[in-house]
Amino acid sequence: MPPSLLAEGELMRDAALRDFSQIAEIETVVTCDARLDSPTNAHLVHVVGVEQDIWALWEQCIASVDAVLLIAPETNESLERLTMLAEKLSKLVLGSSSSAVKLAGNKWLSYEVFIAHDIPTLNTYLASALPTTLDGAHVAKPLDGSGCDDMAYIEDESALRIWLKDRLATHIVQPYQVGETASFSMFCQHGQAYLLSCNRQDIRLKGQHFSYHGGEMNGLSQYAQNFNVLAQKIAHAIPGLAGYVGVDLIVHEDSFFVLEVNPRLTTSYVALHQACGCNPAQLLLELFYNEAFTMPAIAHHKVEISINAAVLTD
């Protein structure tokens, strides 16, 4: 796993454990790789050795609890497989269904959904089926990747085709779109979206490579109405999308281009408690356990996230 993705995963896990630890009568069970520091705020930590069968342990842990919050990447269908495991064990998943994860976790399938439901996005091509000619700069990215891993910005068409030579079955290609890199966080349930925050992302391009450095929660609150329209369309377009969902997009002047839907916790969750002025884990439980759930009024504080320093500042 890339170090950057590992760091983000630990931040998300620790933020979720912090939030759930503040809720009475909630006991949390978590697994942790023996090579990493054990988290705090958990009632029970299963330390996983290198030689252990991790899937057997995950099945054991899931079987022992009432509800499951999965923090995992879409890469190699990890999130989908874990969701299917929890569903097989008839456990409440505090997140999207496996069918929704399958759609949202694959950028080509997502693109087809966007087009079918009039959700603005970028032209997208399978690496194995590129047009005869490509003009301008393009971005190649994995079908099921998380973060910026194995992405490339390439201006020359021949260089792009060479770079893709060994990635024809695993990548998509999109034209490079100038603009503000953005995201929004939302809760989803039964085809309804509840917008939580409108965020500016700090994504940097150096040479061919992109890197994520954090961002500003509610740094783009002026687009709340626009983002909410997109949120409702996405929630309606992907049946089974539920719980916390993050959406990545580009804002350019008055245009919005949805890039991907993350059916899981994203790094923005790390600062969500501060940004909305309430406990998002409590809201998440109410979303799933209260049939008459209504979204309370929340704050929209600006909070900076710095991945390099792993520090949050108001």
Protein backbone atom coordinates (compact mmCIF):
# COMPACT_ATOMS: atom_id res chain seq x y z
CA MET A 1 0.00 0.00 0.00
CA PRO A 2 1.38 3.47 -0.86
CA PRO A 3 2.54 5.34 2.28
CA SER A 4 0.22 8.27 1.51
CA LEU A 5 -2.83 5.99 1.32
CA LEU A 6 -1.80 4.24 4.53
CA ALA A 7 -1.49 7.58 6.32
CA GLU A 8 -4.94 8.67 5.14
CA GLY A 9 -6.43 5.33 6.20
CA GLU A 10 -5.03 5.65 9.71
CA LEU A 11 -6.37 9.20 9.98
CA MET A 12 -9.86 8.09 8.92
CA ARG A 13 -9.82 5.11 11.29
CA ASP A 14 -8.68 7.18 14.24
CA ALA A 15 -11.24 9.91 13.54
CA ALA A 16 -14.06 7.36 13.37
CA LEU A 17 -12.92 5.68 16.60
CA ARG A 18 -12.73 9.06 18.30
CA ASP A 19 -16.28 9.91 17.26
CA PHE A 20 -17.78 6.53 18.21
CA SER A 21 -15.97 6.60 21.57
CA GLN A 22 -18.05 9.66 22.47
CA ILE A 23 -21.33 7.76 22.08
CA ALA A 24 -22.67 5.97 25.15
CA GLU A 25 -23.18 2.19 24.96
CA ILE A 26 -21.14 1.85 21.76
CA GLU A 27 -18.23 -0.59 21.85
CA THR A 28 -15.84 -0.69 18.92
CA VAL A 29 -13.79 -3.61 17.61
CA VAL A 30 -10.96 -2.93 15.16
CA THR A 31 -8.16 -4.83 13.45
CA CYS A 32 -4.63 -3.48 13.17
CA ASP A 33 -1.54 -4.67 11.32
CA ALA A 34 1.15 -5.72 13.80
CA ARG A 35 3.66 -3.50 11.98
CA LEU A 36 1.65 -0.38 12.80
CA ASP A 37 0.86 1.45 16.03
CA SER A 38 -2.35 0.24 17.64
CA PRO A 39 -5.17 2.79 17.66
CA THR A 40 -6.61 4.33 20.78
CA ASN A 41 -10.32 4.82 21.56
CA ALA A 42 -11.15 1.20 20.65
CA HIS A 43 -12.63 -1.27 23.12
CA LEU A 44 -10.95 -4.23 21.45
CA VAL A 45 -8.02 -4.27 19.02
CA HIS A 46 -7.18 -7.44 17.11
CA VAL A 47 -3.50 -7.21 16.17
CA VAL A 48 -2.89 -9.01 12.88
CA GLY A 49 0.40 -10.79 12.28
CA VAL A 50 1.92 -11.07 8.82
CA GLU A 51 1.27 -14.82 8.66
CA GLN A 52 -2.35 -14.65 9.80
CA ASP A 53 -5.32 -15.22 7.51
CA ILE A 54 -6.72 -11.69 7.54
CA TRP A 55 -9.96 -12.61 5.78
CA ALA A 56 -10.70 -15.30 8.35
CA LEU A 57 -10.08 -12.78 11.13
CA TRP A 58 -12.28 -10.16 9.46
CA GLU A 59 -15.07 -12.73 9.15
CA GLN A 60 -14.69 -13.58 12.83
CA CYS A 61 -14.78 -9.91 13.84
CA ILE A 62 -17.76 -9.08 11.65
CA ALA A 63 -19.67 -12.08 13.00
CA SER A 64 -19.15 -10.83 16.57
CA VAL A 65 -20.67 -7.35 16.17
CA ASP A 66 -24.04 -5.75 15.45
CA ALA A 67 -22.96 -3.25 12.80
CA VAL A 68 -19.94 -2.71 10.57
CA LEU A 69 -18.19 0.42 9.31
CA LEU A 70 -15.72 -0.53 6.60
CA ILE A 71 -12.66 1.62 5.94
CA ALA A 72 -11.01 0.13 2.88
CA PRO A 73 -9.98 1.15 -0.64
CA GLU A 74 -11.83 0.10 -3.76
CA THR A 75 -8.55 -1.25 -5.17
CA ASN A 76 -8.64 -4.97 -6.06
CA GLU A 77 -12.31 -5.01 -5.01
CA SER A 78 -11.29 -4.93 -1.34
CA LEU A 79 -14.20 -2.75 -0.22
CA GLU A 80 -16.70 -4.70 -2.31
CA ARG A 81 -15.49 -8.05 -0.94
CA LEU A 82 -15.66 -6.83 2.66
CA THR A 83 -19.15 -5.48 2.09
CA MET A 84 -20.26 -8.78 0.59
CA LEU A 85 -18.80 -10.60 3.59
CA ALA A 86 -20.79 -8.45 6.00
CA GLU A 87 -23.94 -8.94 3.92
CA LYS A 88 -23.39 -12.71 3.89
CA LEU A 89 -23.26 -12.62 7.68
CA SER A 90 -26.49 -10.54 7.74
CA LYS A 91 -24.81 -7.64 9.51
CA LEU A 92 -25.87 -4.01 9.24
CA VAL A 93 -23.34 -2.21 7.08
CA LEU A 94 -23.07 1.47 7.99
CA GLY A 95 -22.35 2.23 4.37
CA SER A 96 -23.26 1.33 0.82
CA SER A 97 -24.46 -2.03 -0.45
CA SER A 98 -22.02 -4.24 -2.33
CA SER A 99 -23.84 -3.53 -5.60
CA ALA A 100 -23.46 0.22 -5.06
CA VAL A 101 -19.80 -0.23 -4.17
CA LYS A 102 -19.31 -2.20 -7.38
CA LEU A 103 -20.79 0.64 -9.46
CA ALA A 104 -19.17 3.53 -7.64
CA GLY A 105 -15.84 1.79 -7.17
CA ASN A 106 -15.28 1.30 -10.89
CA LYS A 107 -14.65 4.52 -12.79
CA TRP A 108 -15.90 3.16 -16.11
CA LEU A 109 -19.15 1.86 -14.62
CA SER A 110 -19.53 5.18 -12.80
CA TYR A 111 -19.03 7.06 -16.06
CA GLU A 112 -21.84 5.07 -17.68
CA VAL A 113 -24.09 5.93 -14.73
CA PHE A 114 -23.20 9.63 -14.97
CA ILE A 115 -24.03 9.73 -18.68
CA ALA A 116 -27.30 7.85 -18.21
CA HIS A 117 -28.47 10.22 -15.46
CA ASP A 118 -27.31 13.53 -16.90
CA ILE A 119 -24.59 14.03 -14.28
CA PRO A 120 -21.90 16.33 -15.73
CA THR A 121 -18.55 14.61 -16.13
CA LEU A 122 -15.56 14.36 -18.47
CA ASN A 123 -15.34 12.27 -21.61
CA THR A 124 -13.91 8.94 -20.51
CA TYR A 125 -12.27 6.17 -22.50
CA LEU A 126 -11.13 2.70 -21.62
CA ALA A 127 -7.38 2.48 -22.16
CA SER A 128 -8.03 -0.48 -24.45
CA ALA A 129 -10.44 1.51 -26.64
CA LEU A 130 -8.96 4.96 -27.17
CA PRO A 131 -10.07 7.13 -30.10
CA THR A 132 -7.86 7.18 -33.17
CA THR A 133 -6.55 10.61 -32.21
CA LEU A 134 -6.34 12.46 -28.91
CA ASP A 135 -5.79 16.20 -28.72
CA GLY A 136 -4.32 17.99 -25.73
CA ALA A 137 -3.26 16.76 -22.31
CA HIS A 138 -4.90 13.71 -20.76
CA VAL A 139 -5.00 11.97 -17.40
CA ALA A 140 -4.76 8.19 -17.07
CA LYS A 141 -6.01 6.59 -13.87
CA PRO A 142 -6.82 3.09 -12.59
CA LEU A 143 -10.35 1.80 -12.98
CA ASP A 144 -10.56 1.01 -9.27
CA GLY A 145 -7.75 3.04 -7.74
CA SER A 146 -7.87 5.13 -4.57
CA GLY A 147 -5.97 8.36 -4.08
CA CYS A 148 -3.44 9.41 -6.70
CA ASP A 149 -1.65 6.08 -7.04
CA ASP A 150 -0.70 5.01 -10.59
CA MET A 151 -2.17 8.14 -12.19
CA ALA A 152 -0.36 10.09 -14.89
CA TYR A 153 -0.70 13.47 -16.60
CA ILE A 154 0.61 13.22 -20.16
CA GLU A 155 0.49 15.89 -22.87
CA ASP A 156 1.88 13.93 -25.81
CA GLU A 157 -0.40 11.34 -27.42
CA SER A 158 2.36 8.91 -28.35
CA ALA A 159 3.83 9.11 -24.84
CA LEU A 160 0.38 8.42 -23.41
CA ARG A 161 -0.07 5.31 -25.54
CA ILE A 162 3.38 4.06 -24.52
CA TRP A 163 2.62 4.64 -20.83
CA LEU A 164 -0.64 2.73 -21.19
CA LYS A 165 0.92 -0.23 -23.01
CA ASP A 166 0.95 -2.43 -19.90
CA ARG A 167 -2.21 -0.88 -18.41
CA LEU A 168 -4.75 -1.50 -21.16
CA ALA A 169 -6.94 -3.67 -18.94
CA THR A 170 -6.67 -1.58 -15.80
CA HIS A 171 -6.94 2.11 -16.72
CA ILE A 172 -9.21 4.78 -18.10
CA VAL A 173 -8.25 8.04 -19.81
CA GLN A 174 -9.86 11.47 -19.48
CA PRO A 175 -8.96 14.86 -20.96
CA TYR A 176 -7.15 17.09 -18.48
CA GLN A 177 -9.60 19.69 -17.19
CA VAL A 178 -8.34 22.95 -15.70
CA GLY A 179 -10.17 24.26 -12.66
CA GLU A 180 -10.52 23.99 -8.90
CA THR A 181 -10.13 20.48 -7.51
CA ALA A 182 -13.05 19.99 -5.16
CA SER A 183 -15.05 17.44 -3.23
CA PHE A 184 -18.21 17.28 -1.21
CA SER A 185 -19.18 15.00 1.65
CA MET A 186 -22.69 13.70 2.07
CA PHE A 187 -24.83 11.11 3.76
CA CYS A 188 -27.07 8.99 1.55
CA GLN A 189 -30.03 6.78 2.31
CA HIS A 190 -32.94 5.50 0.21
CA GLY A 191 -32.03 7.65 -2.79
CA GLN A 192 -31.81 10.82 -0.71
CA ALA A 193 -28.63 12.85 -0.18
CA TYR A 194 -27.78 15.05 2.81
CA LEU A 195 -24.96 17.47 2.00
CA LEU A 196 -22.41 17.77 4.80
CA SER A 197 -19.55 19.91 3.47
CA CYS A 198 -18.20 21.55 0.31
CA ASN A 199 -14.44 21.20 0.19
CA ARG A 200 -11.43 22.56 -1.61
CA GLN A 201 -8.80 19.89 -2.32
CA ASP A 202 -5.05 20.46 -2.37
CA ILE A 203 -3.96 18.24 -5.25
CA ARG A 204 -0.60 19.08 -6.79
CA LEU A 205 0.84 18.14 -10.15
CA LYS A 206 4.59 17.69 -10.51
CA GLY A 207 5.76 16.38 -13.85
CA GLN A 208 3.45 13.49 -14.68
CA HIS A 209 2.40 12.79 -11.11
CA PHE A 210 -0.44 13.99 -8.89
CA SER A 211 -0.27 14.06 -5.10
CA TYR A 212 -2.91 14.79 -2.47
CA HIS A 213 -1.91 17.07 0.41
CA GLY A 214 -5.21 17.78 2.15
CA GLY A 215 -7.55 20.66 1.63
CA GLU A 216 -10.05 22.96 3.28
CA MET A 217 -13.39 21.73 4.56
CA ASN A 218 -16.15 24.10 3.45
CA GLY A 219 -13.63 26.08 1.45
CA LEU A 220 -16.13 26.06 -1.41
CA SER A 221 -19.37 26.68 0.48
CA GLN A 222 -20.42 29.19 -2.16
CA TYR A 223 -21.24 26.19 -4.35
CA ALA A 224 -23.46 24.47 -1.78
CA GLN A 225 -26.59 24.80 -3.89
CA ASN A 226 -24.85 23.44 -6.99
CA PHE A 227 -23.25 20.60 -5.04
CA ASN A 228 -26.59 19.69 -3.49
CA VAL A 229 -28.18 19.32 -6.93
CA LEU A 230 -25.35 16.97 -7.92
CA ALA A 231 -25.63 15.09 -4.62
CA GLN A 232 -29.33 14.37 -5.18
CA LYS A 233 -28.69 13.18 -8.74
CA ILE A 234 -25.92 10.84 -7.60
CA ALA A 235 -27.94 9.41 -4.70
CA HIS A 236 -30.79 8.69 -7.10
CA ALA A 237 -28.54 7.27 -9.82
CA ILE A 238 -26.77 4.64 -7.70
CA PRO A 239 -29.23 2.40 -5.82
CA GLY A 240 -27.87 1.24 -2.49
CA LEU A 241 -25.58 4.22 -2.01
CA ALA A 242 -25.75 4.77 1.74
CA GLY A 243 -23.94 6.21 4.72
CA TYR A 244 -21.01 8.53 4.25
CA VAL A 245 -20.08 9.21 0.62
CA GLY A 246 -17.42 11.49 -0.84
CA VAL A 247 -17.60 12.93 -4.34
CA ASP A 248 -14.60 14.32 -6.24
CA LEU A 249 -15.13 16.93 -8.91
CA ILE A 250 -13.62 19.87 -10.75
CA VAL A 251 -15.13 23.34 -10.72
CA HIS A 252 -14.31 25.58 -13.66
CA GLU A 253 -16.08 28.93 -13.85
CA ASP A 254 -19.77 27.96 -13.85
CA SER A 255 -19.21 24.34 -14.85
CA PHE A 256 -18.95 21.24 -12.68
CA PHE A 257 -17.38 17.93 -13.67
CA VAL A 258 -17.95 14.92 -11.41
CA LEU A 259 -14.91 12.64 -11.46
CA GLU A 260 -15.74 9.87 -9.04
CA VAL A 261 -17.98 8.75 -6.21
CA ASN A 262 -16.29 7.22 -3.15
CA PRO A 263 -18.76 4.88 -1.37
CA ARG A 264 -16.82 4.98 1.90
CA LEU A 265 -15.15 7.32 4.34
CA THR A 266 -12.80 9.78 2.67
CA THR A 267 -10.04 11.86 4.20
CA SER A 268 -12.50 14.74 4.59
CA TYR A 269 -14.13 12.74 7.39
CA VAL A 270 -11.07 13.46 9.52
CA ALA A 271 -12.21 17.06 9.98
CA LEU A 272 -15.97 16.60 9.62
CA HIS A 273 -16.67 16.73 13.37
CA GLN A 274 -15.05 20.15 13.57
CA ALA A 275 -16.57 21.35 10.32
CA CYS A 276 -20.19 20.47 11.08
CA GLY A 277 -20.04 21.20 14.81
CA CYS A 278 -21.54 17.85 15.79
CA ASN A 279 -20.61 14.18 15.96
CA PRO A 280 -20.94 12.64 12.48
CA ALA A 281 -20.80 9.12 13.92
CA GLN A 282 -23.94 9.87 15.95
CA LEU A 283 -25.64 11.18 12.81
CA LEU A 284 -24.54 8.07 10.92
CA LEU A 285 -26.15 5.77 13.48
CA GLU A 286 -29.36 7.79 13.42
CA LEU A 287 -29.36 7.65 9.61
CA PHE A 288 -29.44 3.84 9.72
CA TYR A 289 -31.42 3.18 12.89
CA ASN A 290 -34.04 5.94 12.75
CA GLU A 291 -36.61 5.39 9.99
CA ALA A 292 -37.84 8.95 10.50
CA PHE A 293 -34.34 10.45 10.17
CA THR A 294 -34.19 14.13 9.36
CA MET A 295 -30.94 16.03 8.94
CA PRO A 296 -30.43 18.52 11.78
CA ALA A 297 -29.02 21.97 11.19
CA ILE A 298 -25.23 21.71 11.10
CA ALA A 299 -22.41 24.23 11.09
CA HIS A 300 -20.25 24.86 8.04
CA HIS A 301 -16.95 25.81 9.64
CA LYS A 302 -13.84 26.05 7.51
CA VAL A 303 -11.22 23.55 8.67
CA GLU A 304 -7.88 22.89 7.01
CA ILE A 305 -6.55 19.36 6.57
CA SER A 306 -2.82 18.84 6.13
CA ILE A 307 -1.89 15.28 5.22
CA ASN A 308 1.87 15.83 5.40
CA ALA A 309 1.72 17.18 8.94
CA ALA A 310 -1.35 15.13 9.93
CA VAL A 311 -2.55 18.19 11.83
CA LEU A 312 -5.94 19.86 11.75
CA THR A 313 -6.22 23.59 12.28
CA ASP A 314 -9.29 25.79 12.50
